[in-house]
Amino acid sequence: YCVEFRTERLSQHCARERRPHARWMQYLREGHTVCVARDTGTQRCAGDGHNADGDKILHWEAVGNSRCQGTWKKVRQLEECSCPAVHSFIFT
């Protein structure tokens, strides 16, 4: 399954990330929609907004830089999706 979120806020530390394995954080923007996917054979991600409506603000943190964090709102959940590889982000 996958869940789409609209980023509401993010810390300034995301844009300042320069390490090669974490440069993807520079592409995060407030107001953009991100796709968070998980294999259907595994359990849901904690904090995936499964029971959240579109008005609930959820918190996220980027893997690899705990100072890159922010909030987002769930847009929708789909049973099948394909997240664009060019915007593959990793959150906890």
PDB file of N, CA and C in Angstrom:
ATOM      1  N   TYR A   1       0.847  -1.187   0.000  1.00  0.00           N
ATOM      2  CA  TYR A   1       0.000   0.000   0.000  1.00  0.00           C
ATOM      3  C   TYR A   1       0.876   1.229   0.000  1.00  0.00           C
ATOM      4  N   CYS A   2       0.285   2.353  -0.255  1.00  0.00           N
ATOM      5  CA  CYS A   2       1.031   3.604  -0.162  1.00  0.00           C
ATOM      6  C   CYS A   2       0.116   4.693   0.358  1.00  0.00           C
ATOM      7  N   VAL A   3       0.716   5.684   0.940  1.00  0.00           N
ATOM      8  CA  VAL A   3      -0.009   6.822   1.480  1.00  0.00           C
ATOM      9  C   VAL A   3       0.643   8.080   0.933  1.00  0.00           C
ATOM     10  N   GLU A   4      -0.183   8.998   0.468  1.00  0.00           N
ATOM     11  CA  GLU A   4       0.315  10.290   0.011  1.00  0.00           C
ATOM     12  C   GLU A   4       0.106  11.319   1.118  1.00  0.00           C
ATOM     13  N   PHE A   5       1.130  12.121   1.370  1.00  0.00           N
ATOM     14  CA  PHE A   5       1.080  13.171   2.375  1.00  0.00           C
ATOM     15  C   PHE A   5       1.450  14.504   1.745  1.00  0.00           C
ATOM     16  N   ARG A   6       0.873  15.577   2.256  1.00  0.00           N
ATOM     17  CA  ARG A   6       1.260  16.928   1.860  1.00  0.00           C
ATOM     18  C   ARG A   6       2.094  17.506   2.999  1.00  0.00           C
ATOM     19  N   THR A   7       3.314  17.885   2.697  1.00  0.00           N
ATOM     20  CA  THR A   7       4.182  18.438   3.738  1.00  0.00           C
ATOM     21  C   THR A   7       3.665  19.820   4.144  1.00  0.00           C
ATOM     22  N   GLU A   8       3.543  20.011   5.440  1.00  0.00           N
ATOM     23  CA  GLU A   8       3.064  21.281   5.980  1.00  0.00           C
ATOM     24  C   GLU A   8       4.230  22.154   6.428  1.00  0.00           C
ATOM     25  N   ARG A   9       5.122  21.561   7.183  1.00  0.00           N
ATOM     26  CA  ARG A   9       6.293  22.275   7.702  1.00  0.00           C
ATOM     27  C   ARG A   9       7.497  21.346   7.644  1.00  0.00           C
ATOM     28  N   LEU A  10       8.681  21.944   7.485  1.00  0.00           N
ATOM     29  CA  LEU A  10       9.915  21.172   7.609  1.00  0.00           C
ATOM     30  C   LEU A  10      11.005  22.074   8.140  1.00  0.00           C
ATOM     31  N   SER A  11      11.938  21.462   8.828  1.00  0.00           N
ATOM     32  CA  SER A  11      13.005  22.238   9.465  1.00  0.00           C
ATOM     33  C   SER A  11      14.021  22.708   8.432  1.00  0.00           C
ATOM     34  N   GLN A  12      14.737  23.748   8.771  1.00  0.00           N
ATOM     35  CA  GLN A  12      15.762  24.308   7.890  1.00  0.00           C
ATOM     36  C   GLN A  12      16.936  23.351   7.703  1.00  0.00           C
ATOM     37  N   HIS A  13      17.049  22.360   8.587  1.00  0.00           N
ATOM     38  CA  HIS A  13      18.161  21.414   8.508  1.00  0.00           C
ATOM     39  C   HIS A  13      18.067  20.504   7.285  1.00  0.00           C
ATOM     40  N   CYS A  14      16.896  20.368   6.705  1.00  0.00           N
ATOM     41  CA  CYS A  14      16.745  19.533   5.509  1.00  0.00           C
ATOM     42  C   CYS A  14      17.495  20.154   4.332  1.00  0.00           C
ATOM     43  N   ALA A  15      17.326  21.446   4.133  1.00  0.00           N
ATOM     44  CA  ALA A  15      17.953  22.139   3.009  1.00  0.00           C
ATOM     45  C   ALA A  15      19.465  22.254   3.170  1.00  0.00           C
ATOM     46  N   ARG A  16      19.956  22.156   4.384  1.00  0.00           N
ATOM     47  CA  ARG A  16      21.399  22.305   4.646  1.00  0.00           C
ATOM     48  C   ARG A  16      22.158  20.992   4.555  1.00  0.00           C
ATOM     49  N   GLU A  17      21.476  19.906   4.331  1.00  0.00           N
ATOM     50  CA  GLU A  17      22.124  18.584   4.290  1.00  0.00           C
ATOM     51  C   GLU A  17      23.019  18.478   3.060  1.00  0.00           C
ATOM     52  N   ARG A  18      24.261  18.090   3.257  1.00  0.00           N
ATOM     53  CA  ARG A  18      25.234  18.008   2.157  1.00  0.00           C
ATOM     54  C   ARG A  18      25.869  16.624   2.020  1.00  0.00           C
ATOM     55  N   ARG A  19      25.660  15.730   2.969  1.00  0.00           N
ATOM     56  CA  ARG A  19      26.277  14.405   2.871  1.00  0.00           C
ATOM     57  C   ARG A  19      25.688  13.666   1.670  1.00  0.00           C
ATOM     58  N   PRO A  20      26.517  12.965   0.901  1.00  0.00           N
ATOM     59  CA  PRO A  20      26.047  12.317  -0.332  1.00  0.00           C
ATOM     60  C   PRO A  20      24.837  11.401  -0.147  1.00  0.00           C
ATOM     61  N   HIS A  21      24.809  10.613   0.914  1.00  0.00           N
ATOM     62  CA  HIS A  21      23.707   9.669   1.106  1.00  0.00           C
ATOM     63  C   HIS A  21      22.423  10.345   1.581  1.00  0.00           C
ATOM     64  N   ALA A  22      22.483  11.629   1.908  1.00  0.00           N
ATOM     65  CA  ALA A  22      21.317  12.314   2.453  1.00  0.00           C
ATOM     66  C   ALA A  22      20.935  13.570   1.669  1.00  0.00           C
ATOM     67  N   ARG A  23      21.508  13.745   0.496  1.00  0.00           N
ATOM     68  CA  ARG A  23      21.205  14.937  -0.303  1.00  0.00           C
ATOM     69  C   ARG A  23      19.741  15.011  -0.730  1.00  0.00           C
ATOM     70  N   TRP A  24      19.054  13.885  -0.734  1.00  0.00           N
ATOM     71  CA  TRP A  24      17.639  13.868  -1.116  1.00  0.00           C
ATOM     72  C   TRP A  24      16.804  14.795  -0.239  1.00  0.00           C
ATOM     73  N   MET A  25      17.284  15.068   0.967  1.00  0.00           N
ATOM     74  CA  MET A  25      16.530  15.919   1.888  1.00  0.00           C
ATOM     75  C   MET A  25      16.403  17.345   1.366  1.00  0.00           C
ATOM     76  N   GLN A  26      17.331  17.772   0.522  1.00  0.00           N
ATOM     77  CA  GLN A  26      17.296  19.117  -0.043  1.00  0.00           C
ATOM     78  C   GLN A  26      16.086  19.319  -0.951  1.00  0.00           C
ATOM     79  N   TYR A  27      15.485  18.242  -1.424  1.00  0.00           N
ATOM     80  CA  TYR A  27      14.369  18.329  -2.364  1.00  0.00           C
ATOM     81  C   TYR A  27      13.006  18.404  -1.682  1.00  0.00           C
ATOM     82  N   LEU A  28      12.975  18.279  -0.379  1.00  0.00           N
ATOM     83  CA  LEU A  28      11.710  18.391   0.350  1.00  0.00           C
ATOM     84  C   LEU A  28      11.250  19.838   0.345  1.00  0.00           C
ATOM     85  N   ARG A  29       9.961  20.051   0.118  1.00  0.00           N
ATOM     86  CA  ARG A  29       9.406  21.399   0.089  1.00  0.00           C
ATOM     87  C   ARG A  29       8.062  21.428   0.802  1.00  0.00           C
ATOM     88  N   GLU A  30       7.780  22.508   1.489  1.00  0.00           N
ATOM     89  CA  GLU A  30       6.478  22.684   2.114  1.00  0.00           C
ATOM     90  C   GLU A  30       5.417  22.792   1.019  1.00  0.00           C
ATOM     91  N   GLY A  31       4.302  22.112   1.227  1.00  0.00           N
ATOM     92  CA  GLY A  31       3.206  22.143   0.266  1.00  0.00           C
ATOM     93  C   GLY A  31       3.268  21.065  -0.796  1.00  0.00           C
ATOM     94  N   HIS A  32       4.401  20.376  -0.933  1.00  0.00           N
ATOM     95  CA  HIS A  32       4.520  19.310  -1.918  1.00  0.00           C
ATOM     96  C   HIS A  32       3.935  18.005  -1.372  1.00  0.00           C
ATOM     97  N   THR A  33       3.499  17.157  -2.280  1.00  0.00           N
ATOM     98  CA  THR A  33       2.972  15.848  -1.913  1.00  0.00           C
ATOM     99  C   THR A  33       4.088  14.822  -2.047  1.00  0.00           C
ATOM    100  N   VAL A  34       4.228  13.978  -1.032  1.00  0.00           N
ATOM    101  CA  VAL A  34       5.200  12.892  -1.078  1.00  0.00           C
ATOM    102  C   VAL A  34       4.451  11.578  -0.943  1.00  0.00           C
ATOM    103  N   CYS A  35       5.011  10.548  -1.540  1.00  0.00           N
ATOM    104  CA  CYS A  35       4.416   9.221  -1.529  1.00  0.00           C
ATOM    105  C   CYS A  35       5.238   8.331  -0.602  1.00  0.00           C
ATOM    106  N   VAL A  36       4.572   7.705   0.345  1.00  0.00           N
ATOM    107  CA  VAL A  36       5.242   6.818   1.287  1.00  0.00           C
ATOM    108  C   VAL A  36       4.696   5.415   1.046  1.00  0.00           C
ATOM    109  N   ALA A  37       5.547   4.498   0.599  1.00  0.00           N
ATOM    110  CA  ALA A  37       5.096   3.158   0.224  1.00  0.00           C
ATOM    111  C   ALA A  37       5.687   2.103   1.151  1.00  0.00           C
ATOM    112  N   ARG A  38       4.995   0.986   1.184  1.00  0.00           N
ATOM    113  CA  ARG A  38       5.415  -0.152   2.003  1.00  0.00           C
ATOM    114  C   ARG A  38       4.956  -1.415   1.298  1.00  0.00           C
ATOM    115  N   ASP A  39       5.779  -2.456   1.325  1.00  0.00           N
ATOM    116  CA  ASP A  39       5.371  -3.729   0.730  1.00  0.00           C
ATOM    117  C   ASP A  39       4.103  -4.236   1.389  1.00  0.00           C
ATOM    118  N   THR A  40       3.201  -4.791   0.597  1.00  0.00           N
ATOM    119  CA  THR A  40       1.937  -5.269   1.142  1.00  0.00           C
ATOM    120  C   THR A  40       2.124  -6.494   2.031  1.00  0.00           C
ATOM    121  N   GLY A  41       3.235  -7.189   1.907  1.00  0.00           N
ATOM    122  CA  GLY A  41       3.452  -8.386   2.707  1.00  0.00           C
ATOM    123  C   GLY A  41       3.945  -8.107   4.113  1.00  0.00           C
ATOM    124  N   THR A  42       4.207  -6.853   4.430  1.00  0.00           N
ATOM    125  CA  THR A  42       4.722  -6.500   5.751  1.00  0.00           C
ATOM    126  C   THR A  42       3.707  -5.666   6.506  1.00  0.00           C
ATOM    127  N   GLN A  43       3.982  -5.414   7.752  1.00  0.00           N
ATOM    128  CA  GLN A  43       3.074  -4.610   8.564  1.00  0.00           C
ATOM    129  C   GLN A  43       3.133  -3.148   8.152  1.00  0.00           C
ATOM    130  N   ARG A  44       2.127  -2.420   8.558  1.00  0.00           N
ATOM    131  CA  ARG A  44       2.074  -0.988   8.262  1.00  0.00           C
ATOM    132  C   ARG A  44       3.195  -0.244   8.982  1.00  0.00           C
ATOM    133  N   CYS A  45       3.572   0.879   8.428  1.00  0.00           N
ATOM    134  CA  CYS A  45       4.549   1.744   9.085  1.00  0.00           C
ATOM    135  C   CYS A  45       3.864   2.442  10.253  1.00  0.00           C
ATOM    136  N   ALA A  46       4.553   2.528  11.361  1.00  0.00           N
ATOM    137  CA  ALA A  46       4.022   3.301  12.484  1.00  0.00           C
ATOM    138  C   ALA A  46       3.931   4.752  12.044  1.00  0.00           C
ATOM    139  N   GLY A  47       2.822   5.404  12.361  1.00  0.00           N
ATOM    140  CA  GLY A  47       2.667   6.801  11.999  1.00  0.00           C
ATOM    141  C   GLY A  47       2.275   7.031  10.561  1.00  0.00           C
ATOM    142  N   ASP A  48       1.748   6.006   9.880  1.00  0.00           N
ATOM    143  CA  ASP A  48       1.375   6.179   8.475  1.00  0.00           C
ATOM    144  C   ASP A  48       0.031   6.882   8.293  1.00  0.00           C
ATOM    145  N   GLY A  49      -0.589   7.270   9.397  1.00  0.00           N
ATOM    146  CA  GLY A  49      -1.846   7.995   9.309  1.00  0.00           C
ATOM    147  C   GLY A  49      -3.028   7.129   8.959  1.00  0.00           C
ATOM    148  N   HIS A  50      -2.917   5.832   9.219  1.00  0.00           N
ATOM    149  CA  HIS A  50      -3.958   4.871   8.823  1.00  0.00           C
ATOM    150  C   HIS A  50      -5.356   5.301   9.274  1.00  0.00           C
ATOM    151  N   ASN A  51      -5.494   5.729  10.493  1.00  0.00           N
ATOM    152  CA  ASN A  51      -6.799   6.137  11.010  1.00  0.00           C
ATOM    153  C   ASN A  51      -6.971   7.652  11.053  1.00  0.00           C
ATOM    154  N   ALA A  52      -6.087   8.382  10.408  1.00  0.00           N
ATOM    155  CA  ALA A  52      -6.129   9.848  10.456  1.00  0.00           C
ATOM    156  C   ALA A  52      -6.981  10.397   9.318  1.00  0.00           C
ATOM    157  N   ASP A  53      -7.729  11.436   9.613  1.00  0.00           N
ATOM    158  CA  ASP A  53      -8.431  12.131   8.544  1.00  0.00           C
ATOM    159  C   ASP A  53      -7.491  13.204   7.986  1.00  0.00           C
ATOM    160  N   GLY A  54      -7.933  13.904   6.963  1.00  0.00           N
ATOM    161  CA  GLY A  54      -7.070  14.867   6.290  1.00  0.00           C
ATOM    162  C   GLY A  54      -6.700  16.083   7.106  1.00  0.00           C
ATOM    163  N   ASP A  55      -7.359  16.292   8.246  1.00  0.00           N
ATOM    164  CA  ASP A  55      -7.060  17.468   9.057  1.00  0.00           C
ATOM    165  C   ASP A  55      -6.041  17.216  10.154  1.00  0.00           C
ATOM    166  N   LYS A  56      -5.706  15.950  10.404  1.00  0.00           N
ATOM    167  CA  LYS A  56      -4.785  15.630  11.485  1.00  0.00           C
ATOM    168  C   LYS A  56      -3.349  15.877  11.043  1.00  0.00           C
ATOM    169  N   ILE A  57      -2.605  16.598  11.858  1.00  0.00           N
ATOM    170  CA  ILE A  57      -1.198  16.873  11.564  1.00  0.00           C
ATOM    171  C   ILE A  57      -0.357  15.751  12.147  1.00  0.00           C
ATOM    172  N   LEU A  58       0.457  15.135  11.314  1.00  0.00           N
ATOM    173  CA  LEU A  58       1.333  14.035  11.718  1.00  0.00           C
ATOM    174  C   LEU A  58       2.782  14.494  11.617  1.00  0.00           C
ATOM    175  N   HIS A  59       3.611  13.945  12.470  1.00  0.00           N
ATOM    176  CA  HIS A  59       5.025  14.325  12.502  1.00  0.00           C
ATOM    177  C   HIS A  59       5.885  13.282  11.779  1.00  0.00           C
ATOM    178  N   TRP A  60       6.935  13.748  11.111  1.00  0.00           N
ATOM    179  CA  TRP A  60       7.875  12.860  10.443  1.00  0.00           C
ATOM    180  C   TRP A  60       9.309  13.303  10.748  1.00  0.00           C
ATOM    181  N   GLU A  61      10.221  12.373  10.495  1.00  0.00           N
ATOM    182  CA  GLU A  61      11.657  12.627  10.658  1.00  0.00           C
ATOM    183  C   GLU A  61      12.362  11.901   9.532  1.00  0.00           C
ATOM    184  N   ALA A  62      13.319  12.556   8.909  1.00  0.00           N
ATOM    185  CA  ALA A  62      14.066  11.948   7.809  1.00  0.00           C
ATOM    186  C   ALA A  62      15.097  10.962   8.357  1.00  0.00           C
ATOM    187  N   VAL A  63      15.170   9.797   7.747  1.00  0.00           N
ATOM    188  CA  VAL A  63      16.171   8.811   8.146  1.00  0.00           C
ATOM    189  C   VAL A  63      17.547   9.333   7.723  1.00  0.00           C
ATOM    190  N   GLY A  64      18.488   9.316   8.626  1.00  0.00           N
ATOM    191  CA  GLY A  64      19.839   9.768   8.331  1.00  0.00           C
ATOM    192  C   GLY A  64      20.152  11.154   8.850  1.00  0.00           C
ATOM    193  N   ASN A  65      19.126  11.890   9.267  1.00  0.00           N
ATOM    194  CA  ASN A  65      19.337  13.221   9.835  1.00  0.00           C
ATOM    195  C   ASN A  65      18.134  13.541  10.715  1.00  0.00           C
ATOM    196  N   SER A  66      18.248  13.282  11.991  1.00  0.00           N
ATOM    197  CA  SER A  66      17.122  13.478  12.907  1.00  0.00           C
ATOM    198  C   SER A  66      16.736  14.948  13.050  1.00  0.00           C
ATOM    199  N   ARG A  67      17.587  15.849  12.571  1.00  0.00           N
ATOM    200  CA  ARG A  67      17.261  17.280  12.631  1.00  0.00           C
ATOM    201  C   ARG A  67      16.414  17.725  11.441  1.00  0.00           C
ATOM    202  N   CYS A  68      16.332  16.880  10.418  1.00  0.00           N
ATOM    203  CA  CYS A  68      15.452  17.133   9.276  1.00  0.00           C
ATOM    204  C   CYS A  68      14.119  16.495   9.621  1.00  0.00           C
ATOM    205  N   GLN A  69      13.182  17.323  10.042  1.00  0.00           N
ATOM    206  CA  GLN A  69      11.894  16.820  10.493  1.00  0.00           C
ATOM    207  C   GLN A  69      10.817  17.843  10.187  1.00  0.00           C
ATOM    208  N   GLY A  70       9.569  17.430  10.342  1.00  0.00           N
ATOM    209  CA  GLY A  70       8.486  18.353  10.070  1.00  0.00           C
ATOM    210  C   GLY A  70       7.132  17.713  10.300  1.00  0.00           C
ATOM    211  N   THR A  71       6.131  18.309   9.677  1.00  0.00           N
ATOM    212  CA  THR A  71       4.763  17.808   9.798  1.00  0.00           C
ATOM    213  C   THR A  71       4.171  17.656   8.403  1.00  0.00           C
ATOM    214  N   TRP A  72       3.157  16.785   8.316  1.00  0.00           N
ATOM    215  CA  TRP A  72       2.424  16.599   7.078  1.00  0.00           C
ATOM    216  C   TRP A  72       1.019  16.155   7.385  1.00  0.00           C
ATOM    217  N   LYS A  73       0.167  16.243   6.370  1.00  0.00           N
ATOM    218  CA  LYS A  73      -1.206  15.785   6.482  1.00  0.00           C
ATOM    219  C   LYS A  73      -1.446  14.714   5.427  1.00  0.00           C
ATOM    220  N   LYS A  74      -2.205  13.717   5.808  1.00  0.00           N
ATOM    221  CA  LYS A  74      -2.526  12.632   4.887  1.00  0.00           C
ATOM    222  C   LYS A  74      -3.460  13.144   3.791  1.00  0.00           C
ATOM    223  N   VAL A  75      -3.121  12.852   2.546  1.00  0.00           N
ATOM    224  CA  VAL A  75      -3.959  13.218   1.417  1.00  0.00           C
ATOM    225  C   VAL A  75      -4.881  12.049   1.077  1.00  0.00           C
ATOM    226  N   ARG A  76      -4.285  10.872   0.869  1.00  0.00           N
ATOM    227  CA  ARG A  76      -5.064   9.669   0.568  1.00  0.00           C
ATOM    228  C   ARG A  76      -4.210   8.428   0.716  1.00  0.00           C
ATOM    229  N   GLN A  77      -4.881   7.302   0.814  1.00  0.00           N
ATOM    230  CA  GLN A  77      -4.213   6.001   0.897  1.00  0.00           C
ATOM    231  C   GLN A  77      -4.690   5.141  -0.256  1.00  0.00           C
ATOM    232  N   LEU A  78      -3.774   4.447  -0.889  1.00  0.00           N
ATOM    233  CA  LEU A  78      -4.082   3.577  -2.013  1.00  0.00           C
ATOM    234  C   LEU A  78      -3.570   2.171  -1.727  1.00  0.00           C
ATOM    235  N   GLU A  79      -4.233   1.199  -2.248  1.00  0.00           N
ATOM    236  CA  GLU A  79      -3.757  -0.183  -2.091  1.00  0.00           C
ATOM    237  C   GLU A  79      -2.596  -0.463  -3.029  1.00  0.00           C
ATOM    238  N   GLU A  80      -2.596   0.165  -4.195  1.00  0.00           N
ATOM    239  CA  GLU A  80      -1.506  -0.008  -5.151  1.00  0.00           C
ATOM    240  C   GLU A  80      -1.083   1.359  -5.656  1.00  0.00           C
ATOM    241  N   CYS A  81       0.201   1.546  -5.791  1.00  0.00           N
ATOM    242  CA  CYS A  81       0.700   2.788  -6.359  1.00  0.00           C
ATOM    243  C   CYS A  81       2.123   2.578  -6.828  1.00  0.00           C
ATOM    244  N   SER A  82       2.607   3.537  -7.550  1.00  0.00           N
ATOM    245  CA  SER A  82       4.019   3.521  -7.939  1.00  0.00           C
ATOM    246  C   SER A  82       4.577   4.898  -7.611  1.00  0.00           C
ATOM    247  N   CYS A  83       5.427   4.948  -6.624  1.00  0.00           N
ATOM    248  CA  CYS A  83       6.051   6.208  -6.236  1.00  0.00           C
ATOM    249  C   CYS A  83       7.179   6.510  -7.216  1.00  0.00           C
ATOM    250  N   PRO A  84       7.274   7.733  -7.716  1.00  0.00           N
ATOM    251  CA  PRO A  84       8.344   8.076  -8.645  1.00  0.00           C
ATOM    252  C   PRO A  84       9.719   7.857  -8.022  1.00  0.00           C
ATOM    253  N   ALA A  85      10.585   7.145  -8.714  1.00  0.00           N
ATOM    254  CA  ALA A  85      11.919   6.827  -8.191  1.00  0.00           C
ATOM    255  C   ALA A  85      12.743   8.091  -7.961  1.00  0.00           C
ATOM    256  N   VAL A  86      12.511   9.132  -8.753  1.00  0.00           N
ATOM    257  CA  VAL A  86      13.293  10.354  -8.624  1.00  0.00           C
ATOM    258  C   VAL A  86      13.012  11.053  -7.296  1.00  0.00           C
ATOM    259  N   HIS A  87      11.905  10.761  -6.682  1.00  0.00           N
ATOM    260  CA  HIS A  87      11.582  11.364  -5.398  1.00  0.00           C
ATOM    261  C   HIS A  87      11.370  10.288  -4.344  1.00  0.00           C
ATOM    262  N   SER A  88      12.341   9.415  -4.189  1.00  0.00           N
ATOM    263  CA  SER A  88      12.282   8.382  -3.160  1.00  0.00           C
ATOM    264  C   SER A  88      12.854   8.931  -1.867  1.00  0.00           C
ATOM    265  N   PHE A  89      11.997   9.116  -0.874  1.00  0.00           N
ATOM    266  CA  PHE A  89      12.404   9.668   0.409  1.00  0.00           C
ATOM    267  C   PHE A  89      12.206   8.623   1.480  1.00  0.00           C
ATOM    268  N   ILE A  90      12.953   8.719   2.554  1.00  0.00           N
ATOM    269  CA  ILE A  90      12.854   7.747   3.646  1.00  0.00           C
ATOM    270  C   ILE A  90      12.547   8.495   4.938  1.00  0.00           C
ATOM    271  N   PHE A  91      11.404   8.113   5.557  1.00  0.00           N
ATOM    272  CA  PHE A  91      10.940   8.774   6.768  1.00  0.00           C
ATOM    273  C   PHE A  91      10.710   7.758   7.863  1.00  0.00           C
ATOM    274  N   THR A  92      10.690   8.232   9.107  1.00  0.00           N
ATOM    275  CA  THR A  92      10.290   7.388  10.234  1.00  0.00           C
ATOM    276  C   THR A  92       9.173   8.083  10.980  1.00  0.00           C
TER     277      THR A  92
END
